[in-house]
Each structure stands twice: as structure tokens, then as C-alpha cells.
Amino acid sequence: MGNEEIKRELRIGTLITPEEREELIALLRDYVDVFAWSYMDMPGLYRAPLVEGCKSVKQRLRRTNPNVLIKVKAGIEKQWNVDFLKIVKYPQWVSNIVVVPKNKDKIRVCMDFRDLNWASSKDNFPLPRIDVLVNPHIPLWMDFWATIR
């Protein structure tokens, strides 16, 4: 999806027809600006609206292997250098990091936001199911029927 200088790879399944594949590639090229390819494509932080009156939670510190902490520090510095993270003084919510192993001895640094998710307001309009959006062979009325059961 990129150019010769910047390589951006997307993988498409093999179970679609060549015509569907070409249509999908055209659609992805039209909307290539909606994808985040790096942390620099996602500046700033998102503030979740919380339910009024909920008590803030400070999670107890979870210990991590010292060898993994070196990789965690590198991942956090990478996010910090592109202004994806910021320092907050006196935080009301404290969440632990979660280290997710990836291939070739790499890791992904995530946060444990389970407590914060319980306190955030729920959306009345949830996202549609991706299998219905991508698979044109399933009629929408079948999906509707499955959700009201």
C-alpha cells in the first residue's frame, strides 16, 4: 500500500475470488489514510468518558522479568519519542503493563484497562461484526435475526 520509499504491507486471504480481491484492493487504496502504520500516525491520547460516581482503581504492582523489562523500556521509549504518551502527575487510575509476546523474540507493550473499561460509559451503537461487513455472501437479515434471538 505504500510506495518505493515506505513499504506498507497488508495481507488478504486466499478464499476470495480474483474479482473480489481487486475490488478489495481498490477499496483499501481509496481509504489508506484511515490505517495507523506506526505510533506517529496516532498522536495524542484518547479520554474515555467515565460513569459518574465510579471509584477510581489503582492496580497493585505486578512484577515482571528483568530481561523483559529491557524490551518494555525500549517499547515505551519508542512511543514516548513520537508523542504518543505523556506524563500524568497524581493519576487517579493506575494500570499495569501487559507484555504480549510476538514472533522472533519481540514483544508488544499493552495496558491492563479492565478496571477502566468497567467504569467507562457504554456505547448504544456497537460496532458491526466484521465477518458480516467483509463476507458479502451472508445476507444482512440473517445477521439481524441472529442478534435478536
N, C-alpha and C. Protein backbone atom coordinates (compact mmCIF):
# COMPACT_ATOMS: atom_id res chain seq x y z
N MET A 1 0.82 -1.20 0.00
CA MET A 1 0.00 0.00 0.00
C MET A 1 0.86 1.26 0.00
N GLY A 2 2.11 1.15 0.31
CA GLY A 2 2.97 2.32 0.35
C GLY A 2 3.58 2.61 -1.01
N ASN A 3 4.77 3.21 -0.97
CA ASN A 3 5.50 3.48 -2.20
C ASN A 3 6.87 2.83 -2.10
N GLU A 4 7.76 3.19 -3.00
CA GLU A 4 9.08 2.55 -3.00
C GLU A 4 9.90 2.90 -1.77
N GLU A 5 9.70 4.11 -1.23
CA GLU A 5 10.45 4.54 -0.05
C GLU A 5 9.88 3.93 1.23
N ILE A 6 8.56 3.92 1.34
CA ILE A 6 7.90 3.42 2.54
C ILE A 6 7.08 2.20 2.18
N LYS A 7 7.48 1.04 2.67
CA LYS A 7 6.76 -0.20 2.39
C LYS A 7 5.69 -0.40 3.45
N ARG A 8 4.44 -0.60 3.01
CA ARG A 8 3.33 -0.88 3.91
C ARG A 8 2.61 -2.12 3.39
N GLU A 9 2.59 -3.14 4.21
CA GLU A 9 2.09 -4.43 3.76
C GLU A 9 0.74 -4.75 4.39
N LEU A 10 -0.20 -5.18 3.56
CA LEU A 10 -1.48 -5.72 4.00
C LEU A 10 -1.61 -7.12 3.44
N ARG A 11 -2.20 -8.00 4.22
CA ARG A 11 -2.38 -9.37 3.75
C ARG A 11 -3.86 -9.63 3.52
N ILE A 12 -4.15 -10.25 2.38
CA ILE A 12 -5.52 -10.56 2.01
C ILE A 12 -5.64 -12.07 1.93
N GLY A 13 -6.73 -12.61 2.46
CA GLY A 13 -6.95 -14.05 2.46
C GLY A 13 -7.08 -14.61 1.05
N THR A 14 -6.88 -15.89 0.94
CA THR A 14 -6.90 -16.54 -0.37
C THR A 14 -8.26 -17.13 -0.72
N LEU A 15 -9.24 -17.02 0.16
CA LEU A 15 -10.53 -17.64 -0.07
C LEU A 15 -11.50 -16.75 -0.85
N ILE A 16 -11.05 -15.63 -1.37
CA ILE A 16 -11.94 -14.77 -2.15
C ILE A 16 -11.60 -14.90 -3.63
N THR A 17 -12.55 -14.53 -4.46
CA THR A 17 -12.33 -14.63 -5.91
C THR A 17 -11.40 -13.53 -6.37
N PRO A 18 -10.78 -13.68 -7.54
CA PRO A 18 -9.91 -12.62 -8.06
C PRO A 18 -10.64 -11.28 -8.24
N GLU A 19 -11.91 -11.32 -8.62
CA GLU A 19 -12.67 -10.08 -8.77
C GLU A 19 -12.86 -9.38 -7.42
N GLU A 20 -13.22 -10.17 -6.39
CA GLU A 20 -13.38 -9.61 -5.05
C GLU A 20 -12.05 -9.07 -4.55
N ARG A 21 -10.98 -9.77 -4.87
CA ARG A 21 -9.64 -9.32 -4.45
C ARG A 21 -9.32 -7.96 -5.05
N GLU A 22 -9.59 -7.77 -6.34
CA GLU A 22 -9.32 -6.49 -6.99
C GLU A 22 -10.19 -5.38 -6.41
N GLU A 23 -11.44 -5.69 -6.13
CA GLU A 23 -12.33 -4.70 -5.52
C GLU A 23 -11.84 -4.30 -4.13
N LEU A 24 -11.40 -5.30 -3.36
CA LEU A 24 -10.90 -5.04 -2.01
C LEU A 24 -9.63 -4.19 -2.06
N ILE A 25 -8.75 -4.50 -2.98
CA ILE A 25 -7.51 -3.72 -3.11
C ILE A 25 -7.84 -2.28 -3.48
N ALA A 26 -8.78 -2.07 -4.39
CA ALA A 26 -9.19 -0.72 -4.77
C ALA A 26 -9.78 0.03 -3.58
N LEU A 27 -10.60 -0.66 -2.80
CA LEU A 27 -11.19 -0.04 -1.61
C LEU A 27 -10.13 0.35 -0.60
N LEU A 28 -9.17 -0.55 -0.37
CA LEU A 28 -8.10 -0.26 0.58
C LEU A 28 -7.24 0.90 0.11
N ARG A 29 -6.99 1.00 -1.17
CA ARG A 29 -6.21 2.12 -1.70
C ARG A 29 -6.96 3.45 -1.53
N ASP A 30 -8.29 3.41 -1.68
CA ASP A 30 -9.08 4.63 -1.50
C ASP A 30 -9.06 5.12 -0.06
N TYR A 31 -9.00 4.17 0.88
CA TYR A 31 -9.08 4.54 2.30
C TYR A 31 -7.78 4.24 3.04
N VAL A 32 -6.65 4.36 2.38
CA VAL A 32 -5.37 4.05 3.00
C VAL A 32 -5.05 5.01 4.16
N ASP A 33 -5.64 6.21 4.15
CA ASP A 33 -5.36 7.19 5.20
C ASP A 33 -6.00 6.84 6.54
N VAL A 34 -6.90 5.87 6.62
CA VAL A 34 -7.52 5.52 7.89
C VAL A 34 -6.70 4.51 8.68
N PHE A 35 -5.67 3.93 8.11
CA PHE A 35 -4.84 2.95 8.79
C PHE A 35 -3.71 3.65 9.56
N ALA A 36 -3.39 3.14 10.73
CA ALA A 36 -2.27 3.64 11.51
C ALA A 36 -1.12 2.66 11.30
N TRP A 37 -0.08 3.12 10.65
CA TRP A 37 1.05 2.25 10.32
C TRP A 37 2.13 2.31 11.38
N SER A 38 2.14 3.37 12.18
CA SER A 38 3.14 3.50 13.24
C SER A 38 2.55 4.37 14.35
N TYR A 39 3.28 4.53 15.44
CA TYR A 39 2.82 5.38 16.53
C TYR A 39 2.72 6.84 16.09
N MET A 40 3.52 7.24 15.12
CA MET A 40 3.47 8.63 14.66
C MET A 40 2.15 8.94 13.96
N ASP A 41 1.44 7.91 13.50
CA ASP A 41 0.14 8.10 12.87
C ASP A 41 -0.98 8.25 13.90
N MET A 42 -0.66 8.08 15.19
CA MET A 42 -1.68 8.14 16.25
C MET A 42 -1.26 9.13 17.34
N PRO A 43 -1.12 10.42 17.02
CA PRO A 43 -0.67 11.35 18.05
C PRO A 43 -1.75 11.61 19.10
N GLY A 44 -1.31 11.94 20.30
CA GLY A 44 -2.25 12.30 21.36
C GLY A 44 -2.86 11.10 22.05
N LEU A 45 -3.58 11.40 23.10
CA LEU A 45 -4.23 10.36 23.89
C LEU A 45 -5.74 10.54 23.81
N TYR A 46 -6.45 9.47 24.03
CA TYR A 46 -7.90 9.49 24.00
C TYR A 46 -8.42 9.50 25.42
N ARG A 47 -9.39 10.34 25.70
CA ARG A 47 -10.00 10.37 27.03
C ARG A 47 -11.35 9.67 26.97
N ALA A 48 -11.51 8.63 27.75
CA ALA A 48 -12.75 7.88 27.77
C ALA A 48 -13.72 8.52 28.75
N PRO A 49 -14.99 8.69 28.35
CA PRO A 49 -15.97 9.23 29.30
C PRO A 49 -16.30 8.18 30.36
N LEU A 50 -16.24 8.57 31.63
CA LEU A 50 -16.48 7.64 32.72
C LEU A 50 -17.87 7.84 33.30
N VAL A 51 -18.42 6.76 33.85
CA VAL A 51 -19.70 6.82 34.52
C VAL A 51 -19.53 7.65 35.78
N GLU A 52 -20.47 8.56 36.02
CA GLU A 52 -20.36 9.44 37.18
C GLU A 52 -20.48 8.65 38.48
N GLY A 53 -19.65 8.99 39.42
CA GLY A 53 -19.70 8.36 40.73
C GLY A 53 -18.90 7.09 40.87
N CYS A 54 -18.22 6.65 39.82
CA CYS A 54 -17.43 5.41 39.93
C CYS A 54 -16.13 5.70 40.67
N LYS A 55 -15.69 4.73 41.42
CA LYS A 55 -14.48 4.86 42.22
C LYS A 55 -13.26 4.52 41.37
N SER A 56 -12.22 5.34 41.45
CA SER A 56 -11.01 5.06 40.68
C SER A 56 -10.26 3.88 41.28
N VAL A 57 -9.53 3.17 40.43
CA VAL A 57 -8.82 1.95 40.85
C VAL A 57 -7.34 2.12 40.55
N LYS A 58 -6.53 1.85 41.56
CA LYS A 58 -5.08 1.82 41.37
C LYS A 58 -4.66 0.36 41.52
N GLN A 59 -4.29 -0.25 40.41
CA GLN A 59 -3.93 -1.66 40.45
C GLN A 59 -2.64 -1.88 41.21
N ARG A 60 -2.59 -3.02 41.88
CA ARG A 60 -1.38 -3.40 42.61
C ARG A 60 -0.27 -3.71 41.61
N LEU A 61 0.95 -3.34 41.92
CA LEU A 61 2.08 -3.55 41.03
C LEU A 61 2.31 -5.03 40.77
N ARG A 62 2.43 -5.38 39.51
CA ARG A 62 2.74 -6.75 39.10
C ARG A 62 4.20 -6.78 38.68
N ARG A 63 4.94 -7.71 39.21
CA ARG A 63 6.36 -7.84 38.89
C ARG A 63 6.56 -8.44 37.51
N THR A 64 7.64 -8.03 36.84
CA THR A 64 7.95 -8.51 35.50
C THR A 64 9.40 -8.99 35.48
N ASN A 65 9.67 -9.95 34.65
CA ASN A 65 11.01 -10.49 34.46
C ASN A 65 11.97 -9.35 34.05
N PRO A 66 13.14 -9.22 34.69
CA PRO A 66 14.08 -8.15 34.34
C PRO A 66 14.53 -8.17 32.87
N ASN A 67 14.62 -9.35 32.28
CA ASN A 67 15.01 -9.42 30.87
C ASN A 67 13.93 -8.83 29.97
N VAL A 68 12.69 -9.01 30.36
CA VAL A 68 11.57 -8.47 29.59
C VAL A 68 11.47 -6.96 29.80
N LEU A 69 11.84 -6.48 30.98
CA LEU A 69 11.76 -5.04 31.27
C LEU A 69 12.64 -4.21 30.34
N ILE A 70 13.75 -4.76 29.89
CA ILE A 70 14.61 -4.04 28.94
C ILE A 70 13.85 -3.81 27.63
N LYS A 71 13.13 -4.82 27.18
CA LYS A 71 12.33 -4.69 25.95
C LYS A 71 11.15 -3.75 26.18
N VAL A 72 10.56 -3.80 27.38
CA VAL A 72 9.45 -2.90 27.71
C VAL A 72 9.92 -1.46 27.66
N LYS A 73 11.08 -1.20 28.23
CA LYS A 73 11.62 0.16 28.24
C LYS A 73 11.83 0.66 26.81
N ALA A 74 12.34 -0.19 25.95
CA ALA A 74 12.54 0.20 24.54
C ALA A 74 11.20 0.50 23.86
N GLY A 75 10.18 -0.32 24.14
CA GLY A 75 8.86 -0.08 23.55
C GLY A 75 8.23 1.21 24.03
N ILE A 76 8.38 1.51 25.31
CA ILE A 76 7.83 2.75 25.87
C ILE A 76 8.59 3.95 25.33
N GLU A 77 9.91 3.85 25.22
CA GLU A 77 10.69 4.96 24.66
C GLU A 77 10.29 5.24 23.21
N LYS A 78 10.00 4.19 22.47
CA LYS A 78 9.56 4.34 21.08
C LYS A 78 8.25 5.13 21.02
N GLN A 79 7.31 4.80 21.92
CA GLN A 79 6.04 5.52 21.96
C GLN A 79 6.23 6.94 22.49
N TRP A 80 7.12 7.12 23.43
CA TRP A 80 7.37 8.44 24.02
C TRP A 80 8.00 9.38 22.98
N ASN A 81 8.91 8.87 22.17
CA ASN A 81 9.63 9.70 21.21
C ASN A 81 8.74 10.27 20.12
N VAL A 82 7.59 9.67 19.87
CA VAL A 82 6.68 10.19 18.83
C VAL A 82 5.46 10.87 19.47
N ASP A 83 5.55 11.24 20.76
CA ASP A 83 4.49 11.94 21.49
C ASP A 83 3.19 11.15 21.56
N PHE A 84 3.29 9.84 21.63
CA PHE A 84 2.11 9.01 21.80
C PHE A 84 1.71 8.92 23.27
N LEU A 85 2.68 9.09 24.16
CA LEU A 85 2.46 9.04 25.60
C LEU A 85 2.78 10.38 26.22
N LYS A 86 2.21 10.62 27.41
CA LYS A 86 2.57 11.81 28.17
C LYS A 86 2.58 11.46 29.64
N ILE A 87 3.30 12.25 30.41
CA ILE A 87 3.41 12.03 31.85
C ILE A 87 2.23 12.70 32.53
N VAL A 88 1.60 11.97 33.46
CA VAL A 88 0.48 12.49 34.23
C VAL A 88 0.88 12.46 35.70
N LYS A 89 0.77 13.61 36.36
CA LYS A 89 1.09 13.68 37.78
C LYS A 89 -0.16 13.39 38.60
N TYR A 90 0.00 12.66 39.67
CA TYR A 90 -1.08 12.29 40.56
C TYR A 90 -2.22 11.61 39.82
N PRO A 91 -1.96 10.49 39.21
CA PRO A 91 -3.02 9.82 38.45
C PRO A 91 -4.09 9.23 39.36
N GLN A 92 -5.33 9.30 38.90
CA GLN A 92 -6.43 8.71 39.66
C GLN A 92 -6.55 7.22 39.33
N TRP A 93 -6.18 6.86 38.11
CA TRP A 93 -6.25 5.46 37.68
C TRP A 93 -4.83 4.99 37.39
N VAL A 94 -4.45 3.84 37.95
CA VAL A 94 -3.14 3.26 37.68
C VAL A 94 -3.35 1.85 37.16
N SER A 95 -2.84 1.59 35.97
CA SER A 95 -2.98 0.27 35.35
C SER A 95 -1.61 -0.33 35.09
N ASN A 96 -1.53 -1.64 35.22
CA ASN A 96 -0.28 -2.35 34.96
C ASN A 96 -0.04 -2.51 33.46
N ILE A 97 1.21 -2.70 33.13
CA ILE A 97 1.53 -3.05 31.75
C ILE A 97 1.30 -4.54 31.56
N VAL A 98 0.99 -4.91 30.34
CA VAL A 98 0.83 -6.31 29.97
C VAL A 98 1.77 -6.55 28.80
N VAL A 99 2.66 -7.50 28.94
CA VAL A 99 3.63 -7.81 27.89
C VAL A 99 3.07 -8.96 27.06
N VAL A 100 2.88 -8.69 25.77
CA VAL A 100 2.35 -9.70 24.87
C VAL A 100 3.48 -10.16 23.97
N PRO A 101 3.87 -11.45 24.04
CA PRO A 101 4.96 -11.92 23.18
C PRO A 101 4.54 -11.98 21.72
N LYS A 102 5.46 -11.58 20.86
CA LYS A 102 5.25 -11.65 19.41
C LYS A 102 6.29 -12.59 18.83
N ASN A 103 6.33 -12.67 17.53
CA ASN A 103 7.29 -13.59 16.91
C ASN A 103 8.70 -13.01 16.93
N LYS A 104 9.67 -13.87 16.77
CA LYS A 104 11.09 -13.52 16.70
C LYS A 104 11.56 -12.73 17.91
N ASP A 105 11.19 -13.17 19.10
CA ASP A 105 11.69 -12.60 20.35
C ASP A 105 11.32 -11.13 20.52
N LYS A 106 10.20 -10.71 19.94
CA LYS A 106 9.72 -9.34 20.12
C LYS A 106 8.52 -9.34 21.05
N ILE A 107 8.19 -8.16 21.58
CA ILE A 107 7.04 -8.05 22.47
C ILE A 107 6.19 -6.85 22.05
N ARG A 108 4.95 -6.84 22.52
CA ARG A 108 4.07 -5.67 22.38
C ARG A 108 3.73 -5.22 23.79
N VAL A 109 3.89 -3.94 24.06
CA VAL A 109 3.59 -3.39 25.37
C VAL A 109 2.16 -2.87 25.35
N CYS A 110 1.32 -3.43 26.21
CA CYS A 110 -0.09 -3.04 26.30
C CYS A 110 -0.38 -2.64 27.75
N MET A 111 -1.61 -2.19 27.98
CA MET A 111 -2.04 -1.81 29.33
C MET A 111 -3.22 -2.68 29.75
N ASP A 112 -3.34 -2.92 31.04
CA ASP A 112 -4.47 -3.67 31.59
C ASP A 112 -5.55 -2.67 31.98
N PHE A 113 -6.46 -2.39 31.05
CA PHE A 113 -7.50 -1.40 31.28
C PHE A 113 -8.84 -2.04 31.64
N ARG A 114 -8.82 -3.24 32.20
CA ARG A 114 -10.08 -3.90 32.55
C ARG A 114 -10.90 -3.09 33.55
N ASP A 115 -10.25 -2.57 34.60
CA ASP A 115 -10.97 -1.77 35.60
C ASP A 115 -11.53 -0.49 34.99
N LEU A 116 -10.75 0.14 34.14
CA LEU A 116 -11.20 1.37 33.49
C LEU A 116 -12.34 1.09 32.52
N ASN A 117 -12.31 -0.05 31.85
CA ASN A 117 -13.40 -0.41 30.95
C ASN A 117 -14.72 -0.58 31.69
N TRP A 118 -14.68 -1.13 32.89
CA TRP A 118 -15.91 -1.29 33.68
C TRP A 118 -16.49 0.06 34.06
N ALA A 119 -15.64 1.08 34.22
CA ALA A 119 -16.11 2.39 34.65
C ALA A 119 -16.47 3.31 33.49
N SER A 120 -16.17 2.91 32.27
CA SER A 120 -16.46 3.79 31.13
C SER A 120 -17.90 3.59 30.67
N SER A 121 -18.48 4.65 30.13
CA SER A 121 -19.86 4.56 29.66
C SER A 121 -19.90 3.72 28.39
N LYS A 122 -20.98 2.97 28.26
CA LYS A 122 -21.11 2.06 27.12
C LYS A 122 -21.79 2.77 25.95
N ASP A 123 -21.39 2.40 24.76
CA ASP A 123 -21.94 2.98 23.54
C ASP A 123 -23.24 2.28 23.18
N ASN A 124 -24.27 3.07 22.84
CA ASN A 124 -25.55 2.48 22.45
C ASN A 124 -25.51 1.90 21.05
N PHE A 125 -24.49 2.22 20.28
CA PHE A 125 -24.37 1.76 18.91
C PHE A 125 -23.07 1.00 18.75
N PRO A 126 -23.04 -0.27 19.08
CA PRO A 126 -21.79 -1.04 18.99
C PRO A 126 -21.34 -1.20 17.54
N LEU A 127 -20.07 -1.50 17.39
CA LEU A 127 -19.52 -1.72 16.05
C LEU A 127 -20.15 -2.95 15.41
N PRO A 128 -20.35 -2.93 14.11
CA PRO A 128 -20.90 -4.12 13.45
C PRO A 128 -19.88 -5.24 13.44
N ARG A 129 -20.35 -6.44 13.24
CA ARG A 129 -19.46 -7.59 13.19
C ARG A 129 -18.68 -7.58 11.88
N ILE A 130 -17.40 -7.80 11.98
CA ILE A 130 -16.52 -7.70 10.81
C ILE A 130 -16.82 -8.78 9.79
N ASP A 131 -17.24 -9.98 10.23
CA ASP A 131 -17.50 -11.05 9.26
C ASP A 131 -18.70 -10.71 8.37
N VAL A 132 -19.63 -9.94 8.88
CA VAL A 132 -20.78 -9.54 8.06
C VAL A 132 -20.37 -8.45 7.07
N LEU A 133 -19.49 -7.56 7.52
CA LEU A 133 -19.06 -6.47 6.64
C LEU A 133 -18.20 -6.98 5.49
N VAL A 134 -17.38 -7.97 5.75
CA VAL A 134 -16.43 -8.45 4.76
C VAL A 134 -17.02 -9.54 3.87
N ASN A 135 -17.86 -10.41 4.44
CA ASN A 135 -18.39 -11.54 3.69
C ASN A 135 -19.71 -11.15 3.02
N PRO A 136 -19.73 -10.93 1.71
CA PRO A 136 -20.97 -10.50 1.04
C PRO A 136 -21.96 -11.64 0.85
N HIS A 137 -21.58 -12.86 1.16
CA HIS A 137 -22.45 -14.00 0.96
C HIS A 137 -23.47 -14.18 2.08
N ILE A 138 -23.27 -13.50 3.23
CA ILE A 138 -24.21 -13.60 4.33
C ILE A 138 -25.17 -12.41 4.23
N PRO A 139 -26.45 -12.66 4.00
CA PRO A 139 -27.42 -11.55 3.93
C PRO A 139 -27.54 -10.85 5.28
N LEU A 140 -27.77 -9.54 5.25
CA LEU A 140 -27.86 -8.77 6.48
C LEU A 140 -29.03 -9.22 7.35
N TRP A 141 -30.15 -9.67 6.73
CA TRP A 141 -31.29 -10.08 7.54
C TRP A 141 -30.96 -11.30 8.39
N MET A 142 -30.02 -12.16 7.92
CA MET A 142 -29.63 -13.33 8.71
C MET A 142 -28.88 -12.89 9.96
N ASP A 143 -28.02 -11.89 9.81
CA ASP A 143 -27.28 -11.39 10.96
C ASP A 143 -28.24 -10.72 11.94
N PHE A 144 -29.21 -9.97 11.44
CA PHE A 144 -30.18 -9.32 12.29
C PHE A 144 -30.97 -10.37 13.08
N TRP A 145 -31.38 -11.43 12.40
CA TRP A 145 -32.15 -12.49 13.05
C TRP A 145 -31.32 -13.16 14.15
N ALA A 146 -30.03 -13.33 13.90
CA ALA A 146 -29.17 -13.97 14.91
C ALA A 146 -29.00 -13.07 16.14
N THR A 147 -29.02 -11.76 15.95
CA THR A 147 -28.81 -10.86 17.10
C THR A 147 -30.05 -10.70 17.95
N ILE A 148 -31.25 -10.89 17.39
CA ILE A 148 -32.46 -10.70 18.21
C ILE A 148 -32.89 -11.97 18.91
N ARG A 149 -32.26 -13.08 18.65
CA ARG A 149 -32.62 -14.33 19.32
C ARG A 149 -32.27 -14.33 20.77
